[in-house]
Amino acid sequence: MSPLLLFFIATRVWRWLRHLGGLGLILLGVADNSVVPLPGSMDVLTIWLAARQPSWWMYYAAMATLGALIGGYITYGLARQGGREAFERRLPKRKAEKVYQRFERWGFWAVAIPAILPPPFPIVPFLLAAGALQYSRKQFLGALALGRGIRFTIVAGLGAIYGNHIVRFFSKYYKPALYTLIGLAAIAGIFTLFGYLRYRRKTVEEGSGDVVRKLA
């Protein structure tokens, strides 16, 4: 796919999400926290919408948080079904062990703190770990809601306060900002694809090994 076509598609999607407003935040939040991580995209859209309609900034903060909750719960649910084995197939063993240790040590805050921190700090590994370790659904949703709620309240509040400056900035640097988001999304997509392919390869190898052992 050519860069020009990619930019055209991204521009159309961005305009569509902006037009949807709060619903666009929910859709983007689901993708960002479950399907393909899109670093910084939620913050940018929340800031933009709050800057355009400062009086609605709390609404946009709530919609962004709701989208993140839905997407995060999808990731958590998939990992909960797959258990530790599925989680360990997606991450290198050493990294998986570190995530386990942090999660077992901090529990609730192992989800809440990463949910507050901005990119490039990853949250998906901790969402997966919560599911793989069968962490309480209520506590998981509470931690994720707290972290994302704090983050998007701050982000939307900044958008409302500095609205005019932000709108002027985006009008001037619209293309570079969009290219940056496309680049980050592409990198995240590549890592996700490699992780999925590695997971599939391990699954096939383990399945073949089981067949050989049964035949032996």
C-alpha atoms as a PDB file:
ATOM      1  CA  MET A   1       0.000   0.000   0.000  1.00  0.00           C
ATOM      2  CA  SER A   2       1.444   3.368  -1.043  1.00  0.00           C
ATOM      3  CA  PRO A   3       2.027   6.109   1.575  1.00  0.00           C
ATOM      4  CA  LEU A   4      -0.376   8.389  -0.303  1.00  0.00           C
ATOM      5  CA  LEU A   5      -3.194   5.841  -0.206  1.00  0.00           C
ATOM      6  CA  LEU A   6      -2.468   5.072   3.450  1.00  0.00           C
ATOM      7  CA  PHE A   7      -2.623   8.765   4.298  1.00  0.00           C
ATOM      8  CA  PHE A   8      -5.901   9.129   2.371  1.00  0.00           C
ATOM      9  CA  ILE A   9      -7.488   6.208   4.239  1.00  0.00           C
ATOM     10  CA  ALA A  10      -6.217   7.452   7.614  1.00  0.00           C
ATOM     11  CA  THR A  11      -7.555  10.938   6.866  1.00  0.00           C
ATOM     12  CA  ARG A  12     -10.988   9.566   5.998  1.00  0.00           C
ATOM     13  CA  VAL A  13     -11.068   7.396   9.122  1.00  0.00           C
ATOM     14  CA  TRP A  14      -9.929  10.312  11.294  1.00  0.00           C
ATOM     15  CA  ARG A  15     -12.634  12.586   9.915  1.00  0.00           C
ATOM     16  CA  TRP A  16     -15.232   9.855  10.411  1.00  0.00           C
ATOM     17  CA  LEU A  17     -14.204   9.349  14.039  1.00  0.00           C
ATOM     18  CA  ARG A  18     -14.253  13.086  14.667  1.00  0.00           C
ATOM     19  CA  HIS A  19     -17.733  13.293  13.148  1.00  0.00           C
ATOM     20  CA  LEU A  20     -18.967  10.492  15.420  1.00  0.00           C
ATOM     21  CA  GLY A  21     -17.733  12.353  18.501  1.00  0.00           C
ATOM     22  CA  GLY A  22     -18.248  10.315  21.670  1.00  0.00           C
ATOM     23  CA  LEU A  23     -19.176   7.186  19.707  1.00  0.00           C
ATOM     24  CA  GLY A  24     -15.930   7.550  17.762  1.00  0.00           C
ATOM     25  CA  LEU A  25     -14.023   7.513  21.052  1.00  0.00           C
ATOM     26  CA  ILE A  26     -15.748   4.275  22.043  1.00  0.00           C
ATOM     27  CA  LEU A  27     -14.907   2.595  18.722  1.00  0.00           C
ATOM     28  CA  LEU A  28     -11.296   3.798  18.820  1.00  0.00           C
ATOM     29  CA  GLY A  29     -10.989   2.755  22.471  1.00  0.00           C
ATOM     30  CA  VAL A  30     -12.150  -0.777  21.664  1.00  0.00           C
ATOM     31  CA  ALA A  31      -9.541  -1.083  18.888  1.00  0.00           C
ATOM     32  CA  ASP A  32      -6.757   0.542  20.893  1.00  0.00           C
ATOM     33  CA  ASN A  33      -7.209  -1.692  23.937  1.00  0.00           C
ATOM     34  CA  SER A  34      -8.008  -4.979  22.228  1.00  0.00           C
ATOM     35  CA  VAL A  35      -7.530  -5.474  18.496  1.00  0.00           C
ATOM     36  CA  VAL A  36      -4.504  -3.381  17.478  1.00  0.00           C
ATOM     37  CA  PRO A  37      -2.855  -0.886  19.867  1.00  0.00           C
ATOM     38  CA  LEU A  38      -2.827   2.646  18.387  1.00  0.00           C
ATOM     39  CA  PRO A  39      -0.427   4.590  20.646  1.00  0.00           C
ATOM     40  CA  GLY A  40      -1.548   8.136  21.366  1.00  0.00           C
ATOM     41  CA  SER A  41      -4.650   8.000  19.151  1.00  0.00           C
ATOM     42  CA  MET A  42      -7.138   8.103  22.028  1.00  0.00           C
ATOM     43  CA  ASP A  43      -5.397  11.057  23.652  1.00  0.00           C
ATOM     44  CA  VAL A  44      -5.291  13.015  20.382  1.00  0.00           C
ATOM     45  CA  LEU A  45      -8.961  12.441  19.548  1.00  0.00           C
ATOM     46  CA  THR A  46     -10.084  13.224  23.110  1.00  0.00           C
ATOM     47  CA  ILE A  47      -8.067  16.451  23.165  1.00  0.00           C
ATOM     48  CA  TRP A  48      -9.352  17.464  19.746  1.00  0.00           C
ATOM     49  CA  LEU A  49     -13.006  16.883  20.572  1.00  0.00           C
ATOM     50  CA  ALA A  50     -12.739  18.617  23.958  1.00  0.00           C
ATOM     51  CA  ALA A  51     -10.948  21.550  22.339  1.00  0.00           C
ATOM     52  CA  ARG A  52     -13.701  21.925  19.750  1.00  0.00           C
ATOM     53  CA  GLN A  53     -16.473  21.716  22.379  1.00  0.00           C
ATOM     54  CA  PRO A  54     -14.971  22.746  25.748  1.00  0.00           C
ATOM     55  CA  SER A  55     -18.307  22.551  27.576  1.00  0.00           C
ATOM     56  CA  TRP A  56     -18.542  18.832  26.678  1.00  0.00           C
ATOM     57  CA  TRP A  57     -15.119  17.871  27.967  1.00  0.00           C
ATOM     58  CA  MET A  58     -16.462  15.637  30.774  1.00  0.00           C
ATOM     59  CA  TYR A  59     -18.644  13.792  28.280  1.00  0.00           C
ATOM     60  CA  TYR A  60     -15.661  13.085  26.031  1.00  0.00           C
ATOM     61  CA  ALA A  61     -13.590  11.950  29.007  1.00  0.00           C
ATOM     62  CA  ALA A  62     -16.377   9.523  29.969  1.00  0.00           C
ATOM     63  CA  MET A  63     -16.754   8.175  26.408  1.00  0.00           C
ATOM     64  CA  ALA A  64     -13.004   7.631  26.077  1.00  0.00           C
ATOM     65  CA  THR A  65     -12.969   5.785  29.394  1.00  0.00           C
ATOM     66  CA  LEU A  66     -15.938   3.637  28.350  1.00  0.00           C
ATOM     67  CA  GLY A  67     -14.245   2.688  25.067  1.00  0.00           C
ATOM     68  CA  ALA A  68     -11.067   1.750  26.912  1.00  0.00           C
ATOM     69  CA  LEU A  69     -13.073  -0.352  29.376  1.00  0.00           C
ATOM     70  CA  ILE A  70     -14.853  -2.301  26.628  1.00  0.00           C
ATOM     71  CA  GLY A  71     -11.646  -2.927  24.699  1.00  0.00           C
ATOM     72  CA  GLY A  72      -9.692  -3.797  27.834  1.00  0.00           C
ATOM     73  CA  TYR A  73     -12.355  -6.241  28.977  1.00  0.00           C
ATOM     74  CA  ILE A  74     -12.262  -8.007  25.599  1.00  0.00           C
ATOM     75  CA  THR A  75      -8.502  -8.485  25.967  1.00  0.00           C
ATOM     76  CA  TYR A  76      -8.920  -9.607  29.582  1.00  0.00           C
ATOM     77  CA  GLY A  77     -11.671 -12.081  28.642  1.00  0.00           C
ATOM     78  CA  LEU A  78      -9.638 -13.679  25.847  1.00  0.00           C
ATOM     79  CA  ALA A  79      -6.634 -14.076  28.138  1.00  0.00           C
ATOM     80  CA  ARG A  80      -8.835 -15.471  30.907  1.00  0.00           C
ATOM     81  CA  GLN A  81     -10.079 -18.196  28.561  1.00  0.00           C
ATOM     82  CA  GLY A  82      -6.599 -19.024  27.294  1.00  0.00           C
ATOM     83  CA  GLY A  83      -4.916 -18.989  30.713  1.00  0.00           C
ATOM     84  CA  ARG A  84      -1.201 -18.780  31.392  1.00  0.00           C
ATOM     85  CA  GLU A  85      -0.238 -20.930  28.431  1.00  0.00           C
ATOM     86  CA  ALA A  86      -1.868 -18.621  25.894  1.00  0.00           C
ATOM     87  CA  PHE A  87      -0.309 -15.564  27.557  1.00  0.00           C
ATOM     88  CA  GLU A  88       3.159 -17.108  27.558  1.00  0.00           C
ATOM     89  CA  ARG A  89       2.863 -17.892  23.848  1.00  0.00           C
ATOM     90  CA  ARG A  90       2.331 -14.202  23.086  1.00  0.00           C
ATOM     91  CA  LEU A  91       5.295 -12.873  25.057  1.00  0.00           C
ATOM     92  CA  PRO A  92       8.891 -14.013  25.513  1.00  0.00           C
ATOM     93  CA  LYS A  93       9.181 -16.129  28.659  1.00  0.00           C
ATOM     94  CA  ARG A  94      11.400 -13.628  30.476  1.00  0.00           C
ATOM     95  CA  LYS A  95       9.025 -10.732  29.774  1.00  0.00           C
ATOM     96  CA  ALA A  96       6.011 -12.818  30.784  1.00  0.00           C
ATOM     97  CA  GLU A  97       7.660 -13.656  34.111  1.00  0.00           C
ATOM     98  CA  LYS A  98       8.376  -9.974  34.791  1.00  0.00           C
ATOM     99  CA  VAL A  99       4.759  -9.080  34.114  1.00  0.00           C
ATOM    100  CA  TYR A 100       3.633 -11.905  36.425  1.00  0.00           C
ATOM    101  CA  GLN A 101       5.922 -10.687  39.198  1.00  0.00           C
ATOM    102  CA  ARG A 102       4.740  -7.100  38.920  1.00  0.00           C
ATOM    103  CA  PHE A 103       1.121  -8.158  38.796  1.00  0.00           C
ATOM    104  CA  GLU A 104       1.390 -10.528  41.750  1.00  0.00           C
ATOM    105  CA  ARG A 105       3.172  -7.829  43.748  1.00  0.00           C
ATOM    106  CA  TRP A 106       0.946  -4.857  42.925  1.00  0.00           C
ATOM    107  CA  GLY A 107      -2.377  -6.482  41.992  1.00  0.00           C
ATOM    108  CA  PHE A 108      -4.962  -3.701  41.520  1.00  0.00           C
ATOM    109  CA  TRP A 109      -2.287  -1.068  40.834  1.00  0.00           C
ATOM    110  CA  ALA A 110      -0.599  -3.237  38.205  1.00  0.00           C
ATOM    111  CA  VAL A 111      -3.587  -2.378  36.007  1.00  0.00           C
ATOM    112  CA  ALA A 112      -4.474   1.087  37.338  1.00  0.00           C
ATOM    113  CA  ILE A 113      -1.012   2.669  37.037  1.00  0.00           C
ATOM    114  CA  PRO A 114      -0.266   1.534  33.450  1.00  0.00           C
ATOM    115  CA  ALA A 115      -3.759   2.762  32.545  1.00  0.00           C
ATOM    116  CA  ILE A 116      -2.799   6.258  33.705  1.00  0.00           C
ATOM    117  CA  LEU A 117       0.631   6.411  32.076  1.00  0.00           C
ATOM    118  CA  PRO A 118       0.869   7.850  28.552  1.00  0.00           C
ATOM    119  CA  PRO A 119       2.469   6.156  25.520  1.00  0.00           C
ATOM    120  CA  PRO A 120       4.847   4.511  24.906  1.00  0.00           C
ATOM    121  CA  PHE A 121       4.242   2.665  28.208  1.00  0.00           C
ATOM    122  CA  PRO A 122       2.351  -0.520  27.250  1.00  0.00           C
ATOM    123  CA  ILE A 123      -0.824  -1.564  29.042  1.00  0.00           C
ATOM    124  CA  VAL A 124      -1.869  -4.598  26.961  1.00  0.00           C
ATOM    125  CA  PRO A 125       0.581  -7.038  28.678  1.00  0.00           C
ATOM    126  CA  PHE A 126      -0.990  -6.191  32.039  1.00  0.00           C
ATOM    127  CA  LEU A 127      -4.511  -6.633  30.658  1.00  0.00           C
ATOM    128  CA  LEU A 128      -3.478 -10.046  29.361  1.00  0.00           C
ATOM    129  CA  ALA A 129      -1.778 -10.953  32.645  1.00  0.00           C
ATOM    130  CA  ALA A 130      -4.905 -10.041  34.621  1.00  0.00           C
ATOM    131  CA  GLY A 131      -6.945 -12.453  32.526  1.00  0.00           C
ATOM    132  CA  ALA A 132      -4.324 -15.196  32.460  1.00  0.00           C
ATOM    133  CA  LEU A 133      -4.013 -15.089  36.263  1.00  0.00           C
ATOM    134  CA  GLN A 134      -7.819 -15.211  36.653  1.00  0.00           C
ATOM    135  CA  TYR A 135      -7.852 -11.849  38.423  1.00  0.00           C
ATOM    136  CA  SER A 136     -11.242 -10.725  39.763  1.00  0.00           C
ATOM    137  CA  ARG A 137     -13.441  -9.188  37.054  1.00  0.00           C
ATOM    138  CA  LYS A 138     -14.789  -6.496  39.383  1.00  0.00           C
ATOM    139  CA  GLN A 139     -11.354  -5.480  40.606  1.00  0.00           C
ATOM    140  CA  PHE A 140      -9.973  -5.520  37.068  1.00  0.00           C
ATOM    141  CA  LEU A 141     -12.726  -3.256  35.746  1.00  0.00           C
ATOM    142  CA  GLY A 142     -12.382  -1.019  38.792  1.00  0.00           C
ATOM    143  CA  ALA A 143      -8.632  -0.640  38.290  1.00  0.00           C
ATOM    144  CA  LEU A 144      -8.965  -0.006  34.559  1.00  0.00           C
ATOM    145  CA  ALA A 145     -11.814   2.483  35.061  1.00  0.00           C
ATOM    146  CA  LEU A 146      -9.826   4.355  37.712  1.00  0.00           C
ATOM    147  CA  GLY A 147      -6.657   4.571  35.642  1.00  0.00           C
ATOM    148  CA  ARG A 148      -8.256   5.435  32.317  1.00  0.00           C
ATOM    149  CA  GLY A 149     -10.748   7.742  34.013  1.00  0.00           C
ATOM    150  CA  ILE A 150      -7.951   9.788  35.593  1.00  0.00           C
ATOM    151  CA  ARG A 151      -5.975   9.869  32.361  1.00  0.00           C
ATOM    152  CA  PHE A 152      -8.804  10.926  30.063  1.00  0.00           C
ATOM    153  CA  THR A 153     -10.178  13.429  32.568  1.00  0.00           C
ATOM    154  CA  ILE A 154      -6.782  15.146  32.553  1.00  0.00           C
ATOM    155  CA  VAL A 155      -6.467  14.903  28.773  1.00  0.00           C
ATOM    156  CA  ALA A 156      -9.972  16.223  28.078  1.00  0.00           C
ATOM    157  CA  GLY A 157      -9.545  18.947  30.694  1.00  0.00           C
ATOM    158  CA  LEU A 158      -6.357  20.153  29.007  1.00  0.00           C
ATOM    159  CA  GLY A 159      -8.185  20.124  25.690  1.00  0.00           C
ATOM    160  CA  ALA A 160     -10.960  22.296  27.119  1.00  0.00           C
ATOM    161  CA  ILE A 161      -8.587  24.747  28.819  1.00  0.00           C
ATOM    162  CA  TYR A 162      -6.191  25.192  25.905  1.00  0.00           C
ATOM    163  CA  GLY A 163      -8.784  24.642  23.185  1.00  0.00           C
ATOM    164  CA  ASN A 164      -7.943  27.597  20.915  1.00  0.00           C
ATOM    165  CA  HIS A 165      -4.214  26.900  20.996  1.00  0.00           C
ATOM    166  CA  ILE A 166      -4.764  23.199  20.320  1.00  0.00           C
ATOM    167  CA  VAL A 167      -7.110  23.809  17.378  1.00  0.00           C
ATOM    168  CA  ARG A 168      -4.589  26.223  15.843  1.00  0.00           C
ATOM    169  CA  PHE A 169      -1.782  23.724  16.377  1.00  0.00           C
ATOM    170  CA  PHE A 170      -3.687  20.908  14.685  1.00  0.00           C
ATOM    171  CA  SER A 171      -4.695  23.184  11.827  1.00  0.00           C
ATOM    172  CA  LYS A 172      -1.043  24.057  11.236  1.00  0.00           C
ATOM    173  CA  TYR A 173       0.544  20.655  11.874  1.00  0.00           C
ATOM    174  CA  TYR A 174      -2.325  18.398  10.838  1.00  0.00           C
ATOM    175  CA  LYS A 175      -0.423  16.309   8.313  1.00  0.00           C
ATOM    176  CA  PRO A 176       2.746  15.724  10.400  1.00  0.00           C
ATOM    177  CA  ALA A 177       0.606  14.758  13.408  1.00  0.00           C
ATOM    178  CA  LEU A 178      -1.462  12.334  11.351  1.00  0.00           C
ATOM    179  CA  TYR A 179       1.641  10.823   9.764  1.00  0.00           C
ATOM    180  CA  THR A 180       3.073  10.306  13.243  1.00  0.00           C
ATOM    181  CA  LEU A 181      -0.069   8.486  14.375  1.00  0.00           C
ATOM    182  CA  ILE A 182      -0.023   6.364  11.204  1.00  0.00           C
ATOM    183  CA  GLY A 183       3.604   5.450  11.849  1.00  0.00           C
ATOM    184  CA  LEU A 184       2.936   4.489  15.460  1.00  0.00           C
ATOM    185  CA  ALA A 185      -0.121   2.471  14.450  1.00  0.00           C
ATOM    186  CA  ALA A 186       1.875   0.695  11.735  1.00  0.00           C
ATOM    187  CA  ILE A 187       4.639  -0.198  14.192  1.00  0.00           C
ATOM    188  CA  ALA A 188       2.104  -1.455  16.723  1.00  0.00           C
ATOM    189  CA  GLY A 189       0.371  -3.444  13.987  1.00  0.00           C
ATOM    190  CA  ILE A 190       3.635  -5.056  12.905  1.00  0.00           C
ATOM    191  CA  PHE A 191       4.458  -6.090  16.473  1.00  0.00           C
ATOM    192  CA  THR A 192       0.942  -7.450  16.921  1.00  0.00           C
ATOM    193  CA  LEU A 193       1.219  -9.416  13.675  1.00  0.00           C
ATOM    194  CA  PHE A 194       4.587 -10.894  14.638  1.00  0.00           C
ATOM    195  CA  GLY A 195       3.212 -11.812  18.052  1.00  0.00           C
ATOM    196  CA  TYR A 196       0.231 -13.532  16.471  1.00  0.00           C
ATOM    197  CA  LEU A 197       2.399 -15.439  13.967  1.00  0.00           C
ATOM    198  CA  ARG A 198       4.707 -16.561  16.763  1.00  0.00           C
ATOM    199  CA  TYR A 199       1.705 -17.674  18.783  1.00  0.00           C
ATOM    200  CA  ARG A 200       0.346 -19.641  15.823  1.00  0.00           C
ATOM    201  CA  ARG A 201       3.724 -21.259  15.173  1.00  0.00           C
ATOM    202  CA  LYS A 202       4.091 -22.375  18.778  1.00  0.00           C
ATOM    203  CA  THR A 203       0.544 -23.700  18.779  1.00  0.00           C
ATOM    204  CA  VAL A 204       1.186 -25.751  15.634  1.00  0.00           C
ATOM    205  CA  GLU A 205       4.517 -27.047  16.984  1.00  0.00           C
ATOM    206  CA  GLU A 206       2.966 -28.053  20.300  1.00  0.00           C
ATOM    207  CA  GLY A 207       0.059 -29.717  18.486  1.00  0.00           C
ATOM    208  CA  SER A 208       2.469 -31.680  16.291  1.00  0.00           C
ATOM    209  CA  GLY A 209       4.436 -32.693  19.368  1.00  0.00           C
ATOM    210  CA  ASP A 210       1.302 -33.983  21.053  1.00  0.00           C
ATOM    211  CA  VAL A 211       0.432 -36.054  17.978  1.00  0.00           C
ATOM    212  CA  VAL A 212       3.942 -37.545  17.849  1.00  0.00           C
ATOM    213  CA  ARG A 213       3.836 -38.423  21.550  1.00  0.00           C
ATOM    214  CA  LYS A 214       0.456 -40.116  21.152  1.00  0.00           C
ATOM    215  CA  LEU A 215       1.694 -42.155  18.183  1.00  0.00           C
ATOM    216  CA  ALA A 216       4.793 -43.148  20.123  1.00  0.00           C
END
